[in-house]
Each structure stands twice: as structure tokens, then as C-alpha cells.
Amino acid sequence: MARRPRPQLVTLTDAAAERVKEIMSENGAGYLRVGVTNGGCAGMEYVMDYVEAPSDMDEVVTDNGVQIVVDAKAVLFLLGSMVDFETTSLHEKFVFRNPNQTDACGCGESVTIVPASAG
């Protein structure tokens, strides 16, 4: 019996993919790694970092012409998320549109995320 296809873990908008391409060429790193960490007034924060190679447990996501790495500990927190890159007159930043996010602090730096069910 054939398994149904796995849904894409994380997707990137065109703007996010272009920005990832730019920063990876500027910094010469192998991959951009995304994840979450405990912190902030709402409990968790999104994190991004450069890595030379994925660790054994990380998920490599290919979308919109780029590859990113998702920290293995963040998979259930980020499942179904879309990463966007917004530019306004006051800032430029990556934005996570996460269906598992249930709340955010007033400053927008930390969030409350409920893990997606593994089933």
C-alpha cells in the first residue's frame, strides 16, 4: 500500500526565498536553520542561524528554489508554517505565519505555540 505524501513542513514565500538566497550568498554559509527556543514573555521565540550542514536529526526543506534546515526539536512547533519576508519603511524582517501559534506578546518578539499533533 502506497503511503500518502507527507505535507511540506515549512514553505517560503517568494520574498523569503529571495532574501534567503541573498543572505546565504553574502555570508557564504551552507544553510539557514530555523527553529524555536524558550524565551520572551509569551514563552517561545523563533530563531534563525547559519549552519554549515544539517545535523543528523534536522529536516532539510526545499521550497521556492532554496533549501533551509529546520531544527529537529522545532518540527512539531513549525509544522505547516509559512516563512515570509516583510519590508516596511521602518524594518525588514522574516515573519512566521504559523497555524500552531496561539498568542504573541505585544512587541511581537515572542509567541505561544502549541505543538502540532504527530498523528
Protein backbone atom coordinates (compact mmCIF):
# COMPACT_ATOMS: atom_id res chain seq x y z
CA MET A 1 0.00 0.00 0.00
CA ALA A 2 1.42 3.36 -1.00
CA ARG A 3 1.91 5.93 1.72
CA ARG A 4 0.21 9.25 1.29
CA PRO A 5 2.63 12.09 0.58
CA ARG A 6 3.92 13.99 3.60
CA PRO A 7 2.82 17.60 3.76
CA GLN A 8 5.51 20.23 3.36
CA LEU A 9 6.93 21.02 6.80
CA VAL A 10 7.57 24.72 6.11
CA THR A 11 7.01 26.82 3.00
CA LEU A 12 8.66 30.07 1.93
CA THR A 13 7.09 32.95 0.07
CA ASP A 14 8.85 34.36 -2.99
CA ALA A 15 10.13 37.28 -0.88
CA ALA A 16 11.50 34.97 1.83
CA ALA A 17 13.18 32.69 -0.71
CA GLU A 18 14.86 35.65 -2.42
CA ARG A 19 16.10 37.02 0.92
CA VAL A 20 17.45 33.59 1.95
CA LYS A 21 19.35 33.41 -1.36
CA GLU A 22 20.79 36.90 -0.76
CA ILE A 23 21.94 36.33 2.81
CA MET A 24 23.37 32.91 2.07
CA SER A 25 25.47 34.30 -0.79
CA GLU A 26 26.56 37.26 1.38
CA ASN A 27 27.56 35.06 4.32
CA GLY A 28 28.85 32.01 2.48
CA ALA A 29 27.19 29.64 4.94
CA GLY A 30 25.81 26.29 3.91
CA TYR A 31 22.25 26.58 5.22
CA LEU A 32 19.88 28.83 7.08
CA ARG A 33 18.50 26.97 10.09
CA VAL A 34 15.13 27.87 11.63
CA GLY A 35 13.75 26.78 14.96
CA VAL A 36 12.19 27.88 18.22
CA THR A 37 13.60 28.43 21.67
CA ASN A 38 12.12 29.06 25.09
CA GLY A 39 12.11 32.74 25.90
CA GLY A 40 10.29 36.03 25.89
CA CYS A 41 7.14 36.98 27.75
CA ALA A 42 4.88 34.71 25.66
CA GLY A 43 7.07 31.62 26.16
CA MET A 44 8.84 30.95 22.85
CA GLU A 45 10.80 32.79 20.18
CA TYR A 46 11.55 31.98 16.56
CA VAL A 47 15.28 31.67 15.89
CA MET A 48 17.37 31.64 12.73
CA ASP A 49 21.06 30.84 12.41
CA TYR A 50 23.66 29.81 9.85
CA VAL A 51 24.96 26.24 9.79
CA GLU A 52 27.48 24.55 7.54
CA ALA A 53 25.47 21.33 7.40
CA PRO A 54 22.29 19.91 8.89
CA SER A 55 22.64 17.72 11.96
CA ASP A 56 21.55 14.08 11.70
CA MET A 57 18.06 14.75 13.09
CA ASP A 58 17.32 18.06 11.30
CA GLU A 59 14.84 18.28 8.44
CA VAL A 60 16.00 19.80 5.16
CA VAL A 61 13.22 21.67 3.40
CA THR A 62 13.41 22.61 -0.27
CA ASP A 63 10.90 25.21 -1.37
CA ASN A 64 10.78 28.04 -3.88
CA GLY A 65 14.29 27.30 -5.13
CA VAL A 66 16.08 27.34 -1.77
CA GLN A 67 16.94 24.89 0.99
CA ILE A 68 16.59 25.63 4.68
CA VAL A 69 17.13 23.44 7.71
CA VAL A 70 14.50 23.00 10.41
CA ASP A 71 15.83 22.18 13.86
CA ALA A 72 14.59 18.70 14.80
CA LYS A 73 13.31 19.98 18.17
CA ALA A 74 11.12 22.55 16.38
CA VAL A 75 9.40 20.32 13.81
CA LEU A 76 6.08 19.92 15.67
CA PHE A 77 6.06 23.62 16.54
CA LEU A 78 6.66 24.76 12.94
CA LEU A 79 4.62 22.16 11.01
CA GLY A 80 2.53 23.96 8.39
CA SER A 81 4.26 27.34 8.84
CA MET A 82 4.91 29.79 6.04
CA VAL A 83 8.00 31.98 6.27
CA ASP A 84 7.65 35.41 4.69
CA PHE A 85 9.98 38.40 4.45
CA GLU A 86 8.40 41.80 5.02
CA THR A 87 9.84 45.20 4.20
CA THR A 88 8.25 48.36 5.57
CA SER A 89 9.51 51.91 5.96
CA LEU A 90 10.65 51.02 9.50
CA HIS A 91 12.01 47.48 9.26
CA GLU A 92 12.85 44.38 7.25
CA LYS A 93 12.29 41.01 8.87
CA PHE A 94 11.33 37.40 8.43
CA VAL A 95 7.78 36.68 9.61
CA PHE A 96 6.42 33.26 10.56
CA ARG A 97 2.78 32.58 9.71
CA ASN A 98 2.31 29.60 11.98
CA PRO A 99 -1.01 27.75 12.38
CA ASN A 100 0.27 26.35 15.70
CA GLN A 101 0.82 29.81 17.19
CA THR A 102 -1.91 30.66 19.68
CA ASP A 103 -0.71 34.01 21.07
CA ALA A 104 2.01 36.64 20.80
CA CYS A 105 3.36 39.31 23.12
CA GLY A 106 2.63 42.95 22.48
CA CYS A 107 6.03 43.67 20.98
CA GLY A 108 5.75 40.69 18.62
CA GLU A 109 9.09 39.18 19.61
CA SER A 110 7.79 36.12 21.44
CA VAL A 111 4.89 33.75 20.83
CA THR A 112 2.92 30.93 22.37
CA ILE A 113 2.99 27.80 20.19
CA VAL A 114 1.14 24.54 20.71
CA PRO A 115 2.87 21.56 19.06
CA ALA A 116 1.02 20.03 16.11
CA SER A 117 -0.27 16.54 16.74
CA ALA A 118 2.05 13.88 15.37
CA GLY A 119 -0.89 11.82 14.09
